Amino acid sequence: HHDERGLLWPAEVAPADVHIVAAGKD
C-alpha cells in the first residue's frame, strides 16, 4: 500500500481516520 508519493494505509490500520491540513495562517 504505497505509491510514488508515499504510504497509503488501509483504513483499519491507519494512524488516524482523517488528516486535517491547515493550508495557511489567518
mmCIF file of all heavy atoms, coordinates in Angstrom:
data_MODEL
# 
_entry.id   MODEL 
# 
loop_
_atom_site.group_PDB 
_atom_site.id 
_atom_site.type_symbol 
_atom_site.label_atom_id 
_atom_site.label_alt_id 
_atom_site.label_comp_id 
_atom_site.label_asym_id 
_atom_site.label_entity_id 
_atom_site.label_seq_id 
_atom_site.pdbx_PDB_ins_code 
_atom_site.Cartn_x 
_atom_site.Cartn_y 
_atom_site.Cartn_z 
_atom_site.occupancy 
_atom_site.B_iso_or_equiv 
_atom_site.pdbx_formal_charge 
_atom_site.auth_seq_id 
_atom_site.auth_comp_id 
_atom_site.auth_asym_id 
_atom_site.auth_atom_id 
_atom_site.pdbx_PDB_model_num 
ATOM 1   N N   . HIS A 1 1  ? 0.836   -1.202 0.000  1.00 0.00 ? 1  HIS A N   1 
ATOM 2   C CA  . HIS A 1 1  ? 0.000   0.000  0.000  1.00 0.00 ? 1  HIS A CA  1 
ATOM 3   C C   . HIS A 1 1  ? 0.876   1.259  0.000  1.00 0.00 ? 1  HIS A C   1 
ATOM 4   O O   . HIS A 1 1  ? 1.048   1.906  1.038  1.00 0.00 ? 1  HIS A O   1 
ATOM 5   C CB  . HIS A 1 1  ? -0.946  -0.010 1.204  1.00 0.00 ? 1  HIS A CB  1 
ATOM 6   C CG  . HIS A 1 1  ? -1.963  -1.111 1.160  1.00 0.00 ? 1  HIS A CG  1 
ATOM 7   N ND1 . HIS A 1 1  ? -3.180  -0.974 0.534  1.00 0.00 ? 1  HIS A ND1 1 
ATOM 8   C CD2 . HIS A 1 1  ? -1.925  -2.377 1.640  1.00 0.00 ? 1  HIS A CD2 1 
ATOM 9   C CE1 . HIS A 1 1  ? -3.857  -2.107 0.642  1.00 0.00 ? 1  HIS A CE1 1 
ATOM 10  N NE2 . HIS A 1 1  ? -3.120  -2.971 1.309  1.00 0.00 ? 1  HIS A NE2 1 
ATOM 11  N N   . HIS A 1 2  ? 1.435   1.544  -1.133 1.00 0.00 ? 2  HIS A N   1 
ATOM 12  C CA  . HIS A 1 2  ? 2.178   2.786  -1.317 1.00 0.00 ? 2  HIS A CA  1 
ATOM 13  C C   . HIS A 1 2  ? 2.158   3.135  -2.806 1.00 0.00 ? 2  HIS A C   1 
ATOM 14  O O   . HIS A 1 2  ? 1.841   2.301  -3.654 1.00 0.00 ? 2  HIS A O   1 
ATOM 15  C CB  . HIS A 1 2  ? 3.621   2.665  -0.799 1.00 0.00 ? 2  HIS A CB  1 
ATOM 16  C CG  . HIS A 1 2  ? 4.509   1.822  -1.673 1.00 0.00 ? 2  HIS A CG  1 
ATOM 17  N ND1 . HIS A 1 2  ? 4.640   0.456  -1.514 1.00 0.00 ? 2  HIS A ND1 1 
ATOM 18  C CD2 . HIS A 1 2  ? 5.297   2.144  -2.729 1.00 0.00 ? 2  HIS A CD2 1 
ATOM 19  C CE1 . HIS A 1 2  ? 5.471   -0.017 -2.422 1.00 0.00 ? 2  HIS A CE1 1 
ATOM 20  N NE2 . HIS A 1 2  ? 5.882   0.983  -3.178 1.00 0.00 ? 2  HIS A NE2 1 
ATOM 21  N N   . ASP A 1 3  ? 2.482   4.381  -3.080 1.00 0.00 ? 3  ASP A N   1 
ATOM 22  C CA  . ASP A 1 3  ? 2.652   4.802  -4.465 1.00 0.00 ? 3  ASP A CA  1 
ATOM 23  C C   . ASP A 1 3  ? 3.875   5.701  -4.543 1.00 0.00 ? 3  ASP A C   1 
ATOM 24  O O   . ASP A 1 3  ? 4.677   5.761  -3.594 1.00 0.00 ? 3  ASP A O   1 
ATOM 25  C CB  . ASP A 1 3  ? 1.388   5.481  -5.010 1.00 0.00 ? 3  ASP A CB  1 
ATOM 26  C CG  . ASP A 1 3  ? 0.982   6.712  -4.205 1.00 0.00 ? 3  ASP A CG  1 
ATOM 27  O OD1 . ASP A 1 3  ? 1.839   7.286  -3.501 1.00 0.00 ? 3  ASP A OD1 1 
ATOM 28  O OD2 . ASP A 1 3  ? -0.203  7.112  -4.283 1.00 0.00 ? 3  ASP A OD2 1 
ATOM 29  N N   . GLU A 1 4  ? 4.024   6.392  -5.660 1.00 0.00 ? 4  GLU A N   1 
ATOM 30  C CA  . GLU A 1 4  ? 5.228   7.215  -5.830 1.00 0.00 ? 4  GLU A CA  1 
ATOM 31  C C   . GLU A 1 4  ? 5.269   8.397  -4.870 1.00 0.00 ? 4  GLU A C   1 
ATOM 32  O O   . GLU A 1 4  ? 6.333   9.010  -4.679 1.00 0.00 ? 4  GLU A O   1 
ATOM 33  C CB  . GLU A 1 4  ? 5.310   7.710  -7.283 1.00 0.00 ? 4  GLU A CB  1 
ATOM 34  C CG  . GLU A 1 4  ? 4.260   8.731  -7.688 1.00 0.00 ? 4  GLU A CG  1 
ATOM 35  C CD  . GLU A 1 4  ? 2.899   8.134  -7.976 1.00 0.00 ? 4  GLU A CD  1 
ATOM 36  O OE1 . GLU A 1 4  ? 2.785   6.873  -7.927 1.00 0.00 ? 4  GLU A OE1 1 
ATOM 37  O OE2 . GLU A 1 4  ? 1.961   8.893  -8.247 1.00 0.00 ? 4  GLU A OE2 1 
ATOM 38  N N   . ARG A 1 5  ? 4.150   8.728  -4.234 1.00 0.00 ? 5  ARG A N   1 
ATOM 39  C CA  . ARG A 1 5  ? 4.122   9.876  -3.327 1.00 0.00 ? 5  ARG A CA  1 
ATOM 40  C C   . ARG A 1 5  ? 4.336   9.501  -1.867 1.00 0.00 ? 5  ARG A C   1 
ATOM 41  O O   . ARG A 1 5  ? 4.705   10.346 -1.061 1.00 0.00 ? 5  ARG A O   1 
ATOM 42  C CB  . ARG A 1 5  ? 2.787   10.620 -3.485 1.00 0.00 ? 5  ARG A CB  1 
ATOM 43  C CG  . ARG A 1 5  ? 2.610   11.292 -4.837 1.00 0.00 ? 5  ARG A CG  1 
ATOM 44  C CD  . ARG A 1 5  ? 1.218   11.857 -5.003 1.00 0.00 ? 5  ARG A CD  1 
ATOM 45  N NE  . ARG A 1 5  ? 0.234   10.790 -5.178 1.00 0.00 ? 5  ARG A NE  1 
ATOM 46  C CZ  . ARG A 1 5  ? -1.073  10.993 -5.291 1.00 0.00 ? 5  ARG A CZ  1 
ATOM 47  N NH1 . ARG A 1 5  ? -1.554  12.228 -5.222 1.00 0.00 ? 5  ARG A NH1 1 
ATOM 48  N NH2 . ARG A 1 5  ? -1.901  9.976  -5.469 1.00 0.00 ? 5  ARG A NH2 1 
ATOM 49  N N   . GLY A 1 6  ? 4.084   8.243  -1.528 1.00 0.00 ? 6  GLY A N   1 
ATOM 50  C CA  . GLY A 1 6  ? 4.270   7.854  -0.135 1.00 0.00 ? 6  GLY A CA  1 
ATOM 51  C C   . GLY A 1 6  ? 3.425   6.657  0.239  1.00 0.00 ? 6  GLY A C   1 
ATOM 52  O O   . GLY A 1 6  ? 2.947   5.900  -0.610 1.00 0.00 ? 6  GLY A O   1 
ATOM 53  N N   . LEU A 1 7  ? 3.248   6.469  1.541  1.00 0.00 ? 7  LEU A N   1 
ATOM 54  C CA  . LEU A 1 7  ? 2.448   5.385  2.078  1.00 0.00 ? 7  LEU A CA  1 
ATOM 55  C C   . LEU A 1 7  ? 0.972   5.645  1.806  1.00 0.00 ? 7  LEU A C   1 
ATOM 56  O O   . LEU A 1 7  ? 0.561   6.787  1.550  1.00 0.00 ? 7  LEU A O   1 
ATOM 57  C CB  . LEU A 1 7  ? 2.693   5.256  3.581  1.00 0.00 ? 7  LEU A CB  1 
ATOM 58  C CG  . LEU A 1 7  ? 4.129   4.898  3.990  1.00 0.00 ? 7  LEU A CG  1 
ATOM 59  C CD1 . LEU A 1 7  ? 4.373   5.216  5.458  1.00 0.00 ? 7  LEU A CD1 1 
ATOM 60  C CD2 . LEU A 1 7  ? 4.411   3.424  3.705  1.00 0.00 ? 7  LEU A CD2 1 
ATOM 61  N N   . LEU A 1 8  ? 0.172   4.591  1.894  1.00 0.00 ? 8  LEU A N   1 
ATOM 62  C CA  . LEU A 1 8  ? -1.268  4.733  1.691  1.00 0.00 ? 8  LEU A CA  1 
ATOM 63  C C   . LEU A 1 8  ? -1.961  3.632  2.492  1.00 0.00 ? 8  LEU A C   1 
ATOM 64  O O   . LEU A 1 8  ? -2.322  2.584  1.979  1.00 0.00 ? 8  LEU A O   1 
ATOM 65  C CB  . LEU A 1 8  ? -1.614  4.628  0.203  1.00 0.00 ? 8  LEU A CB  1 
ATOM 66  C CG  . LEU A 1 8  ? -3.039  4.975  -0.216 1.00 0.00 ? 8  LEU A CG  1 
ATOM 67  C CD1 . LEU A 1 8  ? -3.447  6.352  0.286  1.00 0.00 ? 8  LEU A CD1 1 
ATOM 68  C CD2 . LEU A 1 8  ? -3.169  4.911  -1.733 1.00 0.00 ? 8  LEU A CD2 1 
ATOM 69  N N   . TRP A 1 9  ? -2.143  3.894  3.783  1.00 0.00 ? 9  TRP A N   1 
ATOM 70  C CA  . TRP A 1 9  ? -2.583  2.864  4.713  1.00 0.00 ? 9  TRP A CA  1 
ATOM 71  C C   . TRP A 1 9  ? -4.036  2.460  4.497  1.00 0.00 ? 9  TRP A C   1 
ATOM 72  O O   . TRP A 1 9  ? -4.900  3.310  4.272  1.00 0.00 ? 9  TRP A O   1 
ATOM 73  C CB  . TRP A 1 9  ? -2.438  3.354  6.155  1.00 0.00 ? 9  TRP A CB  1 
ATOM 74  C CG  . TRP A 1 9  ? -1.039  3.662  6.547  1.00 0.00 ? 9  TRP A CG  1 
ATOM 75  C CD1 . TRP A 1 9  ? -0.475  4.898  6.688  1.00 0.00 ? 9  TRP A CD1 1 
ATOM 76  C CD2 . TRP A 1 9  ? -0.013  2.718  6.847  1.00 0.00 ? 9  TRP A CD2 1 
ATOM 77  N NE1 . TRP A 1 9  ? 0.840   4.776  7.056  1.00 0.00 ? 9  TRP A NE1 1 
ATOM 78  C CE2 . TRP A 1 9  ? 1.154   3.458  7.159  1.00 0.00 ? 9  TRP A CE2 1 
ATOM 79  C CE3 . TRP A 1 9  ? 0.042   1.326  6.878  1.00 0.00 ? 9  TRP A CE3 1 
ATOM 80  C CZ2 . TRP A 1 9  ? 2.345   2.834  7.512  1.00 0.00 ? 9  TRP A CZ2 1 
ATOM 81  C CZ3 . TRP A 1 9  ? 1.228   0.708  7.225  1.00 0.00 ? 9  TRP A CZ3 1 
ATOM 82  C CH2 . TRP A 1 9  ? 2.366   1.463  7.529  1.00 0.00 ? 9  TRP A CH2 1 
ATOM 83  N N   . PRO A 1 10 ? -4.365  1.159  4.615  1.00 0.00 ? 10 PRO A N   1 
ATOM 84  C CA  . PRO A 1 10 ? -5.775  0.746  4.698  1.00 0.00 ? 10 PRO A CA  1 
ATOM 85  C C   . PRO A 1 10 ? -6.420  1.390  5.926  1.00 0.00 ? 10 PRO A C   1 
ATOM 86  O O   . PRO A 1 10 ? -5.755  1.635  6.941  1.00 0.00 ? 10 PRO A O   1 
ATOM 87  C CB  . PRO A 1 10 ? -5.688  -0.779 4.850  1.00 0.00 ? 10 PRO A CB  1 
ATOM 88  C CG  . PRO A 1 10 ? -4.337  -1.145 4.313  1.00 0.00 ? 10 PRO A CG  1 
ATOM 89  C CD  . PRO A 1 10 ? -3.438  0.004  4.627  1.00 0.00 ? 10 PRO A CD  1 
ATOM 90  N N   . ALA A 1 11 ? -7.713  1.648  5.845  1.00 0.00 ? 11 ALA A N   1 
ATOM 91  C CA  . ALA A 1 11 ? -8.392  2.431  6.883  1.00 0.00 ? 11 ALA A CA  1 
ATOM 92  C C   . ALA A 1 11 ? -8.261  1.821  8.263  1.00 0.00 ? 11 ALA A C   1 
ATOM 93  O O   . ALA A 1 11 ? -8.077  2.546  9.265  1.00 0.00 ? 11 ALA A O   1 
ATOM 94  C CB  . ALA A 1 11 ? -9.868  2.589  6.520  1.00 0.00 ? 11 ALA A CB  1 
ATOM 95  N N   . GLU A 1 12 ? -8.324  0.484  8.380  1.00 0.00 ? 12 GLU A N   1 
ATOM 96  C CA  . GLU A 1 12 ? -8.331  -0.132 9.713  1.00 0.00 ? 12 GLU A CA  1 
ATOM 97  C C   . GLU A 1 12 ? -7.007  -0.028 10.439 1.00 0.00 ? 12 GLU A C   1 
ATOM 98  O O   . GLU A 1 12 ? -6.956  -0.174 11.658 1.00 0.00 ? 12 GLU A O   1 
ATOM 99  C CB  . GLU A 1 12 ? -8.763  -1.597 9.629  1.00 0.00 ? 12 GLU A CB  1 
ATOM 100 C CG  . GLU A 1 12 ? -10.262 -1.792 9.704  1.00 0.00 ? 12 GLU A CG  1 
ATOM 101 C CD  . GLU A 1 12 ? -10.649 -3.119 10.346 1.00 0.00 ? 12 GLU A CD  1 
ATOM 102 O OE1 . GLU A 1 12 ? -10.637 -3.225 11.588 1.00 0.00 ? 12 GLU A OE1 1 
ATOM 103 O OE2 . GLU A 1 12 ? -10.975 -4.041 9.590  1.00 0.00 ? 12 GLU A OE2 1 
ATOM 104 N N   . VAL A 1 13 ? -5.920  0.195  9.715  1.00 0.00 ? 13 VAL A N   1 
ATOM 105 C CA  . VAL A 1 13 ? -4.617  0.241  10.384 1.00 0.00 ? 13 VAL A CA  1 
ATOM 106 C C   . VAL A 1 13 ? -3.972  1.619  10.312 1.00 0.00 ? 13 VAL A C   1 
ATOM 107 O O   . VAL A 1 13 ? -2.901  1.833  10.881 1.00 0.00 ? 13 VAL A O   1 
ATOM 108 C CB  . VAL A 1 13 ? -3.649  -0.812 9.797  1.00 0.00 ? 13 VAL A CB  1 
ATOM 109 C CG1 . VAL A 1 13 ? -4.219  -2.204 9.945  1.00 0.00 ? 13 VAL A CG1 1 
ATOM 110 C CG2 . VAL A 1 13 ? -3.320  -0.516 8.348  1.00 0.00 ? 13 VAL A CG2 1 
ATOM 111 N N   . ALA A 1 14 ? -4.589  2.567  9.634  1.00 0.00 ? 14 ALA A N   1 
ATOM 112 C CA  . ALA A 1 14 ? -4.005  3.902  9.501  1.00 0.00 ? 14 ALA A CA  1 
ATOM 113 C C   . ALA A 1 14 ? -3.821  4.539  10.882 1.00 0.00 ? 14 ALA A C   1 
ATOM 114 O O   . ALA A 1 14 ? -4.604  4.281  11.802 1.00 0.00 ? 14 ALA A O   1 
ATOM 115 C CB  . ALA A 1 14 ? -4.895  4.782  8.638  1.00 0.00 ? 14 ALA A CB  1 
ATOM 116 N N   . PRO A 1 15 ? -2.796  5.385  11.043 1.00 0.00 ? 15 PRO A N   1 
ATOM 117 C CA  . PRO A 1 15 ? -2.566  6.014  12.349 1.00 0.00 ? 15 PRO A CA  1 
ATOM 118 C C   . PRO A 1 15 ? -3.684  6.964  12.760 1.00 0.00 ? 15 PRO A C   1 
ATOM 119 O O   . PRO A 1 15 ? -3.811  7.298  13.936 1.00 0.00 ? 15 PRO A O   1 
ATOM 120 C CB  . PRO A 1 15 ? -1.244  6.747  12.170 1.00 0.00 ? 15 PRO A CB  1 
ATOM 121 C CG  . PRO A 1 15 ? -1.073  6.919  10.703 1.00 0.00 ? 15 PRO A CG  1 
ATOM 122 C CD  . PRO A 1 15 ? -1.739  5.741  10.075 1.00 0.00 ? 15 PRO A CD  1 
ATOM 123 N N   . ALA A 1 16 ? -4.505  7.421  11.814 1.00 0.00 ? 16 ALA A N   1 
ATOM 124 C CA  . ALA A 1 16 ? -5.673  8.258  12.115 1.00 0.00 ? 16 ALA A CA  1 
ATOM 125 C C   . ALA A 1 16 ? -6.718  8.020  11.042 1.00 0.00 ? 16 ALA A C   1 
ATOM 126 O O   . ALA A 1 16 ? -6.412  7.540  9.943  1.00 0.00 ? 16 ALA A O   1 
ATOM 127 C CB  . ALA A 1 16 ? -5.291  9.736  12.174 1.00 0.00 ? 16 ALA A CB  1 
ATOM 128 N N   . ASP A 1 17 ? -7.964  8.340  11.369 1.00 0.00 ? 17 ASP A N   1 
ATOM 129 C CA  . ASP A 1 17 ? -9.039  8.195  10.391 1.00 0.00 ? 17 ASP A CA  1 
ATOM 130 C C   . ASP A 1 17 ? -8.998  9.293  9.341  1.00 0.00 ? 17 ASP A C   1 
ATOM 131 O O   . ASP A 1 17 ? -9.366  9.073  8.188  1.00 0.00 ? 17 ASP A O   1 
ATOM 132 C CB  . ASP A 1 17 ? -10.401 8.227  11.097 1.00 0.00 ? 17 ASP A CB  1 
ATOM 133 C CG  . ASP A 1 17 ? -10.592 7.055  12.040 1.00 0.00 ? 17 ASP A CG  1 
ATOM 134 O OD1 . ASP A 1 17 ? -10.288 5.918  11.635 1.00 0.00 ? 17 ASP A OD1 1 
ATOM 135 O OD2 . ASP A 1 17 ? -11.034 7.282  13.178 1.00 0.00 ? 17 ASP A OD2 1 
ATOM 136 N N   . VAL A 1 18 ? -8.577  10.481 9.744  1.00 0.00 ? 18 VAL A N   1 
ATOM 137 C CA  . VAL A 1 18 ? -8.568  11.617 8.833  1.00 0.00 ? 18 VAL A CA  1 
ATOM 138 C C   . VAL A 1 18 ? -7.405  12.536 9.189  1.00 0.00 ? 18 VAL A C   1 
ATOM 139 O O   . VAL A 1 18 ? -7.016  12.644 10.361 1.00 0.00 ? 18 VAL A O   1 
ATOM 140 C CB  . VAL A 1 18 ? -9.919  12.369 8.888  1.00 0.00 ? 18 VAL A CB  1 
ATOM 141 C CG1 . VAL A 1 18 ? -10.157 12.972 10.261 1.00 0.00 ? 18 VAL A CG1 1 
ATOM 142 C CG2 . VAL A 1 18 ? -10.021 13.423 7.805  1.00 0.00 ? 18 VAL A CG2 1 
ATOM 143 N N   . HIS A 1 19 ? -6.838  13.161 8.174  1.00 0.00 ? 19 HIS A N   1 
ATOM 144 C CA  . HIS A 1 19 ? -5.719  14.081 8.337  1.00 0.00 ? 19 HIS A CA  1 
ATOM 145 C C   . HIS A 1 19 ? -6.202  15.467 7.912  1.00 0.00 ? 19 HIS A C   1 
ATOM 146 O O   . HIS A 1 19 ? -6.574  15.670 6.748  1.00 0.00 ? 19 HIS A O   1 
ATOM 147 C CB  . HIS A 1 19 ? -4.556  13.614 7.455  1.00 0.00 ? 19 HIS A CB  1 
ATOM 148 C CG  . HIS A 1 19 ? -3.289  14.388 7.647  1.00 0.00 ? 19 HIS A CG  1 
ATOM 149 N ND1 . HIS A 1 19 ? -2.064  13.937 7.201  1.00 0.00 ? 19 HIS A ND1 1 
ATOM 150 C CD2 . HIS A 1 19 ? -3.033  15.584 8.232  1.00 0.00 ? 19 HIS A CD2 1 
ATOM 151 C CE1 . HIS A 1 19 ? -1.125  14.822 7.488  1.00 0.00 ? 19 HIS A CE1 1 
ATOM 152 N NE2 . HIS A 1 19 ? -1.701  15.832 8.117  1.00 0.00 ? 19 HIS A NE2 1 
ATOM 153 N N   . ILE A 1 20 ? -6.210  16.411 8.853  1.00 0.00 ? 20 ILE A N   1 
ATOM 154 C CA  . ILE A 1 20 ? -6.632  17.782 8.556  1.00 0.00 ? 20 ILE A CA  1 
ATOM 155 C C   . ILE A 1 20 ? -5.396  18.636 8.345  1.00 0.00 ? 20 ILE A C   1 
ATOM 156 O O   . ILE A 1 20 ? -4.488  18.640 9.193  1.00 0.00 ? 20 ILE A O   1 
ATOM 157 C CB  . ILE A 1 20 ? -7.483  18.365 9.699  1.00 0.00 ? 20 ILE A CB  1 
ATOM 158 C CG1 . ILE A 1 20 ? -8.728  17.504 9.938  1.00 0.00 ? 20 ILE A CG1 1 
ATOM 159 C CG2 . ILE A 1 20 ? -7.896  19.801 9.379  1.00 0.00 ? 20 ILE A CG2 1 
ATOM 160 C CD1 . ILE A 1 20 ? -9.564  17.962 11.119 1.00 0.00 ? 20 ILE A CD1 1 
ATOM 161 N N   . VAL A 1 21 ? -5.347  19.326 7.232  1.00 0.00 ? 21 VAL A N   1 
ATOM 162 C CA  . VAL A 1 21 ? -4.207  20.182 6.905  1.00 0.00 ? 21 VAL A CA  1 
ATOM 163 C C   . VAL A 1 21 ? -4.663  21.641 6.936  1.00 0.00 ? 21 VAL A C   1 
ATOM 164 O O   . VAL A 1 21 ? -5.573  22.027 6.177  1.00 0.00 ? 21 VAL A O   1 
ATOM 165 C CB  . VAL A 1 21 ? -3.625  19.843 5.524  1.00 0.00 ? 21 VAL A CB  1 
ATOM 166 C CG1 . VAL A 1 21 ? -2.501  20.817 5.157  1.00 0.00 ? 21 VAL A CG1 1 
ATOM 167 C CG2 . VAL A 1 21 ? -3.119  18.404 5.498  1.00 0.00 ? 21 VAL A CG2 1 
ATOM 168 N N   . ALA A 1 22 ? -4.050  22.431 7.797  1.00 0.00 ? 22 ALA A N   1 
ATOM 169 C CA  . ALA A 1 22 ? -4.262  23.882 7.783  1.00 0.00 ? 22 ALA A CA  1 
ATOM 170 C C   . ALA A 1 22 ? -3.314  24.465 6.751  1.00 0.00 ? 22 ALA A C   1 
ATOM 171 O O   . ALA A 1 22 ? -2.101  24.519 6.963  1.00 0.00 ? 22 ALA A O   1 
ATOM 172 C CB  . ALA A 1 22 ? -4.001  24.477 9.164  1.00 0.00 ? 22 ALA A CB  1 
ATOM 173 N N   . ALA A 1 23 ? -3.861  24.874 5.608  1.00 0.00 ? 23 ALA A N   1 
ATOM 174 C CA  . ALA A 1 23 ? -3.015  25.250 4.471  1.00 0.00 ? 23 ALA A CA  1 
ATOM 175 C C   . ALA A 1 23 ? -2.300  26.570 4.667  1.00 0.00 ? 23 ALA A C   1 
ATOM 176 O O   . ALA A 1 23 ? -1.305  26.850 3.988  1.00 0.00 ? 23 ALA A O   1 
ATOM 177 C CB  . ALA A 1 23 ? -3.850  25.298 3.196  1.00 0.00 ? 23 ALA A CB  1 
ATOM 178 N N   . GLY A 1 24 ? -2.772  27.415 5.559  1.00 0.00 ? 24 GLY A N   1 
ATOM 179 C CA  . GLY A 1 24 ? -2.118  28.710 5.755  1.00 0.00 ? 24 GLY A CA  1 
ATOM 180 C C   . GLY A 1 24 ? -2.265  29.175 7.188  1.00 0.00 ? 24 GLY A C   1 
ATOM 181 O O   . GLY A 1 24 ? -2.448  28.367 8.105  1.00 0.00 ? 24 GLY A O   1 
ATOM 182 N N   . LYS A 1 25 ? -2.171  30.468 7.388  1.00 0.00 ? 25 LYS A N   1 
ATOM 183 C CA  . LYS A 1 25 ? -2.309  31.037 8.729  1.00 0.00 ? 25 LYS A CA  1 
ATOM 184 C C   . LYS A 1 25 ? -3.688  31.699 8.806  1.00 0.00 ? 25 LYS A C   1 
ATOM 185 O O   . LYS A 1 25 ? -4.698  31.061 8.513  1.00 0.00 ? 25 LYS A O   1 
ATOM 186 C CB  . LYS A 1 25 ? -1.191  32.028 8.984  1.00 0.00 ? 25 LYS A CB  1 
ATOM 187 C CG  . LYS A 1 25 ? 0.203   31.406 8.845  1.00 0.00 ? 25 LYS A CG  1 
ATOM 188 C CD  . LYS A 1 25 ? 1.302   32.433 9.022  1.00 0.00 ? 25 LYS A CD  1 
ATOM 189 C CE  . LYS A 1 25 ? 2.677   31.810 8.807  1.00 0.00 ? 25 LYS A CE  1 
ATOM 190 N NZ  . LYS A 1 25 ? 3.773   32.812 8.923  1.00 0.00 ? 25 LYS A NZ  1 
ATOM 191 N N   . ASP A 1 26 ? -3.778  32.930 9.193  1.00 0.00 ? 26 ASP A N   1 
ATOM 192 C CA  . ASP A 1 26 ? -5.013  33.727 9.138  1.00 0.00 ? 26 ASP A CA  1 
ATOM 193 C C   . ASP A 1 26 ? -6.226  32.964 9.676  1.00 0.00 ? 26 ASP A C   1 
ATOM 194 O O   . ASP A 1 26 ? -7.274  32.881 9.047  1.00 0.00 ? 26 ASP A O   1 
ATOM 195 C CB  . ASP A 1 26 ? -5.306  34.184 7.701  1.00 0.00 ? 26 ASP A CB  1 
ATOM 196 C CG  . ASP A 1 26 ? -4.153  34.997 7.118  1.00 0.00 ? 26 ASP A CG  1 
ATOM 197 O OD1 . ASP A 1 26 ? -3.466  35.668 7.896  1.00 0.00 ? 26 ASP A OD1 1 
ATOM 198 O OD2 . ASP A 1 26 ? -3.962  34.918 5.892  1.00 0.00 ? 26 ASP A OD2 1 
# 
